[in-house]
Amino acid sequence: MKQPVEISAEFTQQEAQVLLAELRARYGQVLNELWYGDQFRLVPEGLRHGAILSAMPVMAAQKRLLGALIHSLSAVKYSQ
């Protein structure tokens, strides 16, 4: 079983929003390159994203970080 690593960080709301925008842009760019690249283009579309995440641990980590940022920003938004 994989040993999880937990990371805690505090950002201002503006820092979190800027980081989220940057991660989204980079994630989208790399995903697009891989999606149409030779390594994954023959994988059926319904399975391709999962195949990319399985083969690219950095993409899987970025996806989880994106989710955590979105969750945290929405929690801050609703608490105000």
PDB file of N, CA and C in Angstrom:
ATOM      1  N   MET A   1       0.840  -1.181   0.000  1.00  0.00           N
ATOM      2  CA  MET A   1       0.000   0.000   0.000  1.00  0.00           C
ATOM      3  C   MET A   1       0.885   1.244   0.000  1.00  0.00           C
ATOM      4  N   LYS A   2       0.474   2.239  -0.737  1.00  0.00           N
ATOM      5  CA  LYS A   2       1.239   3.476  -0.831  1.00  0.00           C
ATOM      6  C   LYS A   2       1.156   4.255   0.472  1.00  0.00           C
ATOM      7  N   GLN A   3       2.262   4.854   0.858  1.00  0.00           N
ATOM      8  CA  GLN A   3       2.314   5.671   2.062  1.00  0.00           C
ATOM      9  C   GLN A   3       1.899   7.104   1.688  1.00  0.00           C
ATOM     10  N   PRO A   4       0.772   7.592   2.217  1.00  0.00           N
ATOM     11  CA  PRO A   4       0.330   8.946   1.856  1.00  0.00           C
ATOM     12  C   PRO A   4       1.216  10.016   2.498  1.00  0.00           C
ATOM     13  N   VAL A   5       1.329  11.130   1.819  1.00  0.00           N
ATOM     14  CA  VAL A   5       2.042  12.292   2.321  1.00  0.00           C
ATOM     15  C   VAL A   5       1.027  13.418   2.417  1.00  0.00           C
ATOM     16  N   GLU A   6       0.895  13.989   3.588  1.00  0.00           N
ATOM     17  CA  GLU A   6      -0.050  15.082   3.784  1.00  0.00           C
ATOM     18  C   GLU A   6       0.718  16.392   3.819  1.00  0.00           C
ATOM     19  N   ILE A   7       0.207  17.371   3.090  1.00  0.00           N
ATOM     20  CA  ILE A   7       0.845  18.683   3.008  1.00  0.00           C
ATOM     21  C   ILE A   7      -0.168  19.732   3.443  1.00  0.00           C
ATOM     22  N   SER A   8       0.284  20.635   4.272  1.00  0.00           N
ATOM     23  CA  SER A   8      -0.575  21.719   4.718  1.00  0.00           C
ATOM     24  C   SER A   8       0.106  23.039   4.360  1.00  0.00           C
ATOM     25  N   ALA A   9      -0.655  23.958   3.814  1.00  0.00           N
ATOM     26  CA  ALA A   9      -0.114  25.266   3.442  1.00  0.00           C
ATOM     27  C   ALA A   9      -1.198  26.315   3.615  1.00  0.00           C
ATOM     28  N   GLU A  10      -0.778  27.502   3.978  1.00  0.00           N
ATOM     29  CA  GLU A  10      -1.716  28.612   4.102  1.00  0.00           C
ATOM     30  C   GLU A  10      -1.389  29.658   3.050  1.00  0.00           C
ATOM     31  N   PHE A  11      -2.428  30.111   2.362  1.00  0.00           N
ATOM     32  CA  PHE A  11      -2.301  31.142   1.341  1.00  0.00           C
ATOM     33  C   PHE A  11      -3.333  32.219   1.609  1.00  0.00           C
ATOM     34  N   THR A  12      -3.054  33.397   1.129  1.00  0.00           N
ATOM     35  CA  THR A  12      -4.117  34.399   1.110  1.00  0.00           C
ATOM     36  C   THR A  12      -5.091  33.962   0.034  1.00  0.00           C
ATOM     37  N   GLN A  13      -6.283  34.529   0.064  1.00  0.00           N
ATOM     38  CA  GLN A  13      -7.264  34.167  -0.962  1.00  0.00           C
ATOM     39  C   GLN A  13      -6.738  34.525  -2.348  1.00  0.00           C
ATOM     40  N   GLN A  14      -6.078  35.659  -2.467  1.00  0.00           N
ATOM     41  CA  GLN A  14      -5.536  36.070  -3.760  1.00  0.00           C
ATOM     42  C   GLN A  14      -4.440  35.105  -4.224  1.00  0.00           C
ATOM     43  N   GLU A  15      -3.546  34.698  -3.313  1.00  0.00           N
ATOM     44  CA  GLU A  15      -2.494  33.751  -3.680  1.00  0.00           C
ATOM     45  C   GLU A  15      -3.096  32.425  -4.141  1.00  0.00           C
ATOM     46  N   ALA A  16      -4.118  31.957  -3.427  1.00  0.00           N
ATOM     47  CA  ALA A  16      -4.759  30.694  -3.794  1.00  0.00           C
ATOM     48  C   ALA A  16      -5.419  30.790  -5.165  1.00  0.00           C
ATOM     49  N   GLN A  17      -6.063  31.914  -5.456  1.00  0.00           N
ATOM     50  CA  GLN A  17      -6.721  32.089  -6.754  1.00  0.00           C
ATOM     51  C   GLN A  17      -5.703  32.141  -7.888  1.00  0.00           C
ATOM     52  N   VAL A  18      -4.596  32.824  -7.660  1.00  0.00           N
ATOM     53  CA  VAL A  18      -3.550  32.921  -8.687  1.00  0.00           C
ATOM     54  C   VAL A  18      -2.897  31.555  -8.909  1.00  0.00           C
ATOM     55  N   LEU A  19      -2.636  30.848  -7.814  1.00  0.00           N
ATOM     56  CA  LEU A  19      -2.059  29.503  -7.924  1.00  0.00           C
ATOM     57  C   LEU A  19      -3.017  28.572  -8.663  1.00  0.00           C
ATOM     58  N   LEU A  20      -4.291  28.656  -8.350  1.00  0.00           N
ATOM     59  CA  LEU A  20      -5.295  27.839  -9.028  1.00  0.00           C
ATOM     60  C   LEU A  20      -5.315  28.131 -10.529  1.00  0.00           C
ATOM     61  N   ALA A  21      -5.294  29.390 -10.889  1.00  0.00           N
ATOM     62  CA  ALA A  21      -5.299  29.759 -12.311  1.00  0.00           C
ATOM     63  C   ALA A  21      -4.055  29.232 -13.017  1.00  0.00           C
ATOM     64  N   GLU A  22      -2.904  29.349 -12.368  1.00  0.00           N
ATOM     65  CA  GLU A  22      -1.653  28.868 -12.968  1.00  0.00           C
ATOM     66  C   GLU A  22      -1.667  27.350 -13.124  1.00  0.00           C
ATOM     67  N   LEU A  23      -2.104  26.650 -12.094  1.00  0.00           N
ATOM     68  CA  LEU A  23      -2.166  25.187 -12.173  1.00  0.00           C
ATOM     69  C   LEU A  23      -3.153  24.724 -13.244  1.00  0.00           C
ATOM     70  N   ARG A  24      -4.299  25.390 -13.322  1.00  0.00           N
ATOM     71  CA  ARG A  24      -5.282  25.034 -14.357  1.00  0.00           C
ATOM     72  C   ARG A  24      -4.685  25.204 -15.754  1.00  0.00           C
ATOM     73  N   ALA A  25      -3.994  26.309 -15.960  1.00  0.00           N
ATOM     74  CA  ALA A  25      -3.412  26.575 -17.276  1.00  0.00           C
ATOM     75  C   ALA A  25      -2.362  25.529 -17.629  1.00  0.00           C
ATOM     76  N   ARG A  26      -1.466  25.247 -16.707  1.00  0.00           N
ATOM     77  CA  ARG A  26      -0.410  24.264 -16.972  1.00  0.00           C
ATOM     78  C   ARG A  26      -0.988  22.861 -17.143  1.00  0.00           C
ATOM     79  N   TYR A  27      -1.926  22.497 -16.276  1.00  0.00           N
ATOM     80  CA  TYR A  27      -2.545  21.174 -16.353  1.00  0.00           C
ATOM     81  C   TYR A  27      -3.236  21.006 -17.705  1.00  0.00           C
ATOM     82  N   GLY A  28      -3.997  22.016 -18.092  1.00  0.00           N
ATOM     83  CA  GLY A  28      -4.700  21.957 -19.374  1.00  0.00           C
ATOM     84  C   GLY A  28      -3.762  21.844 -20.554  1.00  0.00           C
ATOM     85  N   GLN A  29      -2.675  22.590 -20.505  1.00  0.00           N
ATOM     86  CA  GLN A  29      -1.704  22.560 -21.602  1.00  0.00           C
ATOM     87  C   GLN A  29      -1.053  21.177 -21.722  1.00  0.00           C
ATOM     88  N   VAL A  30      -0.589  20.639 -20.606  1.00  0.00           N
ATOM     89  CA  VAL A  30       0.072  19.336 -20.640  1.00  0.00           C
ATOM     90  C   VAL A  30      -0.930  18.241 -20.996  1.00  0.00           C
ATOM     91  N   LEU A  31      -2.140  18.313 -20.431  1.00  0.00           N
ATOM     92  CA  LEU A  31      -3.159  17.318 -20.751  1.00  0.00           C
ATOM     93  C   LEU A  31      -3.468  17.328 -22.247  1.00  0.00           C
ATOM     94  N   ASN A  32      -3.586  18.494 -22.824  1.00  0.00           N
ATOM     95  CA  ASN A  32      -3.863  18.602 -24.258  1.00  0.00           C
ATOM     96  C   ASN A  32      -2.738  17.988 -25.091  1.00  0.00           C
ATOM     97  N   GLU A  33      -1.493  18.265 -24.694  1.00  0.00           N
ATOM     98  CA  GLU A  33      -0.352  17.696 -25.428  1.00  0.00           C
ATOM     99  C   GLU A  33      -0.349  16.176 -25.339  1.00  0.00           C
ATOM    100  N   LEU A  34      -0.593  15.655 -24.144  1.00  0.00           N
ATOM    101  CA  LEU A  34      -0.599  14.202 -23.964  1.00  0.00           C
ATOM    102  C   LEU A  34      -1.811  13.554 -24.621  1.00  0.00           C
ATOM    103  N   TRP A  35      -2.952  14.225 -24.549  1.00  0.00           N
ATOM    104  CA  TRP A  35      -4.204  13.691 -25.088  1.00  0.00           C
ATOM    105  C   TRP A  35      -4.060  13.336 -26.573  1.00  0.00           C
ATOM    106  N   TYR A  36      -3.403  14.216 -27.307  1.00  0.00           N
ATOM    107  CA  TYR A  36      -3.262  13.999 -28.749  1.00  0.00           C
ATOM    108  C   TYR A  36      -1.902  13.435 -29.134  1.00  0.00           C
ATOM    109  N   GLY A  37      -1.027  13.203 -28.150  1.00  0.00           N
ATOM    110  CA  GLY A  37       0.295  12.643 -28.433  1.00  0.00           C
ATOM    111  C   GLY A  37       0.220  11.166 -28.777  1.00  0.00           C
ATOM    112  N   ASP A  38       1.284  10.672 -29.356  1.00  0.00           N
ATOM    113  CA  ASP A  38       1.325   9.284 -29.813  1.00  0.00           C
ATOM    114  C   ASP A  38       1.109   8.270 -28.691  1.00  0.00           C
ATOM    115  N   GLN A  39       1.584   8.585 -27.495  1.00  0.00           N
ATOM    116  CA  GLN A  39       1.512   7.631 -26.390  1.00  0.00           C
ATOM    117  C   GLN A  39       0.072   7.287 -25.998  1.00  0.00           C
ATOM    118  N   PHE A  40      -0.847   8.243 -26.131  1.00  0.00           N
ATOM    119  CA  PHE A  40      -2.213   8.028 -25.636  1.00  0.00           C
ATOM    120  C   PHE A  40      -3.302   8.151 -26.697  1.00  0.00           C
ATOM    121  N   ARG A  41      -2.977   8.506 -27.911  1.00  0.00           N
ATOM    122  CA  ARG A  41      -4.028   8.772 -28.893  1.00  0.00           C
ATOM    123  C   ARG A  41      -4.840   7.544 -29.282  1.00  0.00           C
ATOM    124  N   LEU A  42      -4.291   6.353 -29.074  1.00  0.00           N
ATOM    125  CA  LEU A  42      -5.037   5.135 -29.401  1.00  0.00           C
ATOM    126  C   LEU A  42      -5.869   4.616 -28.227  1.00  0.00           C
ATOM    127  N   VAL A  43      -5.725   5.240 -27.061  1.00  0.00           N
ATOM    128  CA  VAL A  43      -6.537   4.865 -25.900  1.00  0.00           C
ATOM    129  C   VAL A  43      -7.928   5.471 -26.098  1.00  0.00           C
ATOM    130  N   PRO A  44      -8.996   4.706 -25.913  1.00  0.00           N
ATOM    131  CA  PRO A  44     -10.347   5.259 -26.090  1.00  0.00           C
ATOM    132  C   PRO A  44     -10.552   6.502 -25.223  1.00  0.00           C
ATOM    133  N   GLU A  45     -11.282   7.471 -25.760  1.00  0.00           N
ATOM    134  CA  GLU A  45     -11.456   8.754 -25.076  1.00  0.00           C
ATOM    135  C   GLU A  45     -11.980   8.609 -23.661  1.00  0.00           C
ATOM    136  N   GLY A  46     -12.874   7.680 -23.423  1.00  0.00           N
ATOM    137  CA  GLY A  46     -13.426   7.500 -22.086  1.00  0.00           C
ATOM    138  C   GLY A  46     -12.416   6.995 -21.064  1.00  0.00           C
ATOM    139  N   LEU A  47     -11.332   6.422 -21.535  1.00  0.00           N
ATOM    140  CA  LEU A  47     -10.297   5.874 -20.659  1.00  0.00           C
ATOM    141  C   LEU A  47      -9.007   6.690 -20.681  1.00  0.00           C
ATOM    142  N   ARG A  48      -8.924   7.633 -21.596  1.00  0.00           N
ATOM    143  CA  ARG A  48      -7.658   8.335 -21.839  1.00  0.00           C
ATOM    144  C   ARG A  48      -7.200   9.165 -20.649  1.00  0.00           C
ATOM    145  N   HIS A  49      -8.088   9.926 -20.030  1.00  0.00           N
ATOM    146  CA  HIS A  49      -7.684  10.770 -18.910  1.00  0.00           C
ATOM    147  C   HIS A  49      -7.125   9.912 -17.777  1.00  0.00           C
ATOM    148  N   GLY A  50      -7.801   8.838 -17.455  1.00  0.00           N
ATOM    149  CA  GLY A  50      -7.320   7.926 -16.417  1.00  0.00           C
ATOM    150  C   GLY A  50      -5.984   7.298 -16.766  1.00  0.00           C
ATOM    151  N   ALA A  51      -5.807   6.957 -18.037  1.00  0.00           N
ATOM    152  CA  ALA A  51      -4.537   6.378 -18.482  1.00  0.00           C
ATOM    153  C   ALA A  51      -3.402   7.387 -18.338  1.00  0.00           C
ATOM    154  N   ILE A  52      -3.690   8.630 -18.658  1.00  0.00           N
ATOM    155  CA  ILE A  52      -2.678   9.682 -18.528  1.00  0.00           C
ATOM    156  C   ILE A  52      -2.312   9.866 -17.056  1.00  0.00           C
ATOM    157  N   LEU A  53      -3.321   9.915 -16.184  1.00  0.00           N
ATOM    158  CA  LEU A  53      -3.053  10.088 -14.759  1.00  0.00           C
ATOM    159  C   LEU A  53      -2.275   8.905 -14.184  1.00  0.00           C
ATOM    160  N   SER A  54      -2.561   7.713 -14.656  1.00  0.00           N
ATOM    161  CA  SER A  54      -1.828   6.526 -14.188  1.00  0.00           C
ATOM    162  C   SER A  54      -0.375   6.551 -14.627  1.00  0.00           C
ATOM    163  N   ALA A  55      -0.136   7.034 -15.835  1.00  0.00           N
ATOM    164  CA  ALA A  55       1.226   7.049 -16.382  1.00  0.00           C
ATOM    165  C   ALA A  55       2.030   8.265 -15.930  1.00  0.00           C
ATOM    166  N   MET A  56       1.357   9.317 -15.512  1.00  0.00           N
ATOM    167  CA  MET A  56       2.032  10.567 -15.164  1.00  0.00           C
ATOM    168  C   MET A  56       1.683  10.959 -13.728  1.00  0.00           C
ATOM    169  N   PRO A  57       2.443  10.501 -12.750  1.00  0.00           N
ATOM    170  CA  PRO A  57       2.123  10.814 -11.353  1.00  0.00           C
ATOM    171  C   PRO A  57       2.051  12.312 -11.066  1.00  0.00           C
ATOM    172  N   VAL A  58       2.835  13.104 -11.763  1.00  0.00           N
ATOM    173  CA  VAL A  58       2.786  14.554 -11.529  1.00  0.00           C
ATOM    174  C   VAL A  58       1.429  15.123 -11.918  1.00  0.00           C
ATOM    175  N   MET A  59       0.828  14.580 -12.954  1.00  0.00           N
ATOM    176  CA  MET A  59      -0.498  15.037 -13.369  1.00  0.00           C
ATOM    177  C   MET A  59      -1.542  14.644 -12.314  1.00  0.00           C
ATOM    178  N   ALA A  60      -1.426  13.440 -11.761  1.00  0.00           N
ATOM    179  CA  ALA A  60      -2.353  13.000 -10.723  1.00  0.00           C
ATOM    180  C   ALA A  60      -2.228  13.894  -9.488  1.00  0.00           C
ATOM    181  N   ALA A  61      -1.000  14.246  -9.127  1.00  0.00           N
ATOM    182  CA  ALA A  61      -0.780  15.128  -7.973  1.00  0.00           C
ATOM    183  C   ALA A  61      -1.341  16.520  -8.245  1.00  0.00           C
ATOM    184  N   GLN A  62      -1.145  17.022  -9.451  1.00  0.00           N
ATOM    185  CA  GLN A  62      -1.679  18.337  -9.806  1.00  0.00           C
ATOM    186  C   GLN A  62      -3.201  18.332  -9.751  1.00  0.00           C
ATOM    187  N   LYS A  63      -3.800  17.245 -10.205  1.00  0.00           N
ATOM    188  CA  LYS A  63      -5.263  17.151 -10.188  1.00  0.00           C
ATOM    189  C   LYS A  63      -5.794  17.197  -8.757  1.00  0.00           C
ATOM    190  N   ARG A  64      -5.125  16.484  -7.843  1.00  0.00           N
ATOM    191  CA  ARG A  64      -5.547  16.519  -6.439  1.00  0.00           C
ATOM    192  C   ARG A  64      -5.332  17.905  -5.836  1.00  0.00           C
ATOM    193  N   LEU A  65      -4.224  18.554  -6.181  1.00  0.00           N
ATOM    194  CA  LEU A  65      -3.967  19.899  -5.679  1.00  0.00           C
ATOM    195  C   LEU A  65      -5.002  20.883  -6.217  1.00  0.00           C
ATOM    196  N   LEU A  66      -5.370  20.761  -7.468  1.00  0.00           N
ATOM    197  CA  LEU A  66      -6.427  21.603  -8.035  1.00  0.00           C
ATOM    198  C   LEU A  66      -7.728  21.417  -7.263  1.00  0.00           C
ATOM    199  N   GLY A  67      -8.076  20.173  -6.989  1.00  0.00           N
ATOM    200  CA  GLY A  67      -9.297  19.888  -6.243  1.00  0.00           C
ATOM    201  C   GLY A  67      -9.252  20.481  -4.837  1.00  0.00           C
ATOM    202  N   ALA A  68      -8.110  20.384  -4.179  1.00  0.00           N
ATOM    203  CA  ALA A  68      -7.980  20.930  -2.829  1.00  0.00           C
ATOM    204  C   ALA A  68      -8.096  22.452  -2.839  1.00  0.00           C
ATOM    205  N   LEU A  69      -7.484  23.095  -3.823  1.00  0.00           N
ATOM    206  CA  LEU A  69      -7.579  24.552  -3.922  1.00  0.00           C
ATOM    207  C   LEU A  69      -9.016  24.990  -4.197  1.00  0.00           C
ATOM    208  N   ILE A  70      -9.689  24.322  -5.104  1.00  0.00           N
ATOM    209  CA  ILE A  70     -11.079  24.665  -5.425  1.00  0.00           C
ATOM    210  C   ILE A  70     -11.958  24.487  -4.190  1.00  0.00           C
ATOM    211  N   HIS A  71     -11.766  23.386  -3.485  1.00  0.00           N
ATOM    212  CA  HIS A  71     -12.550  23.115  -2.271  1.00  0.00           C
ATOM    213  C   HIS A  71     -12.292  24.192  -1.216  1.00  0.00           C
ATOM    214  N   SER A  72     -11.037  24.518  -0.991  1.00  0.00           N
ATOM    215  CA  SER A  72     -10.693  25.516   0.031  1.00  0.00           C
ATOM    216  C   SER A  72     -11.217  26.899  -0.329  1.00  0.00           C
ATOM    217  N   LEU A  73     -11.096  27.272  -1.589  1.00  0.00           N
ATOM    218  CA  LEU A  73     -11.592  28.585  -2.008  1.00  0.00           C
ATOM    219  C   LEU A  73     -13.117  28.661  -1.896  1.00  0.00           C
ATOM    220  N   SER A  74     -13.802  27.578  -2.211  1.00  0.00           N
ATOM    221  CA  SER A  74     -15.272  27.620  -2.088  1.00  0.00           C
ATOM    222  C   SER A  74     -15.679  27.649  -0.613  1.00  0.00           C
ATOM    223  N   ALA A  75     -14.922  26.987   0.262  1.00  0.00           N
ATOM    224  CA  ALA A  75     -15.215  27.028   1.693  1.00  0.00           C
ATOM    225  C   ALA A  75     -15.040  28.436   2.232  1.00  0.00           C
ATOM    226  N   VAL A  76     -14.022  29.140   1.776  1.00  0.00           N
ATOM    227  CA  VAL A  76     -13.796  30.522   2.201  1.00  0.00           C
ATOM    228  C   VAL A  76     -14.917  31.415   1.676  1.00  0.00           C
ATOM    229  N   LYS A  77     -15.321  31.190   0.441  1.00  0.00           N
ATOM    230  CA  LYS A  77     -16.370  31.994  -0.188  1.00  0.00           C
ATOM    231  C   LYS A  77     -17.686  31.867   0.581  1.00  0.00           C
ATOM    232  N   TYR A  78     -18.032  30.627   0.974  1.00  0.00           N
ATOM    233  CA  TYR A  78     -19.309  30.411   1.651  1.00  0.00           C
ATOM    234  C   TYR A  78     -19.280  30.789   3.128  1.00  0.00           C
ATOM    235  N   SER A  79     -18.084  30.956   3.699  1.00  0.00           N
ATOM    236  CA  SER A  79     -17.996  31.335   5.112  1.00  0.00           C
ATOM    237  C   SER A  79     -18.042  32.861   5.292  1.00  0.00           C
ATOM    238  N   GLN A  80     -17.960  33.587   4.190  1.00  0.00           N
ATOM    239  CA  GLN A  80     -17.963  35.052   4.282  1.00  0.00           C
ATOM    240  C   GLN A  80     -19.352  35.603   4.256  1.00  0.00           C
TER     241      GLN A  80
END
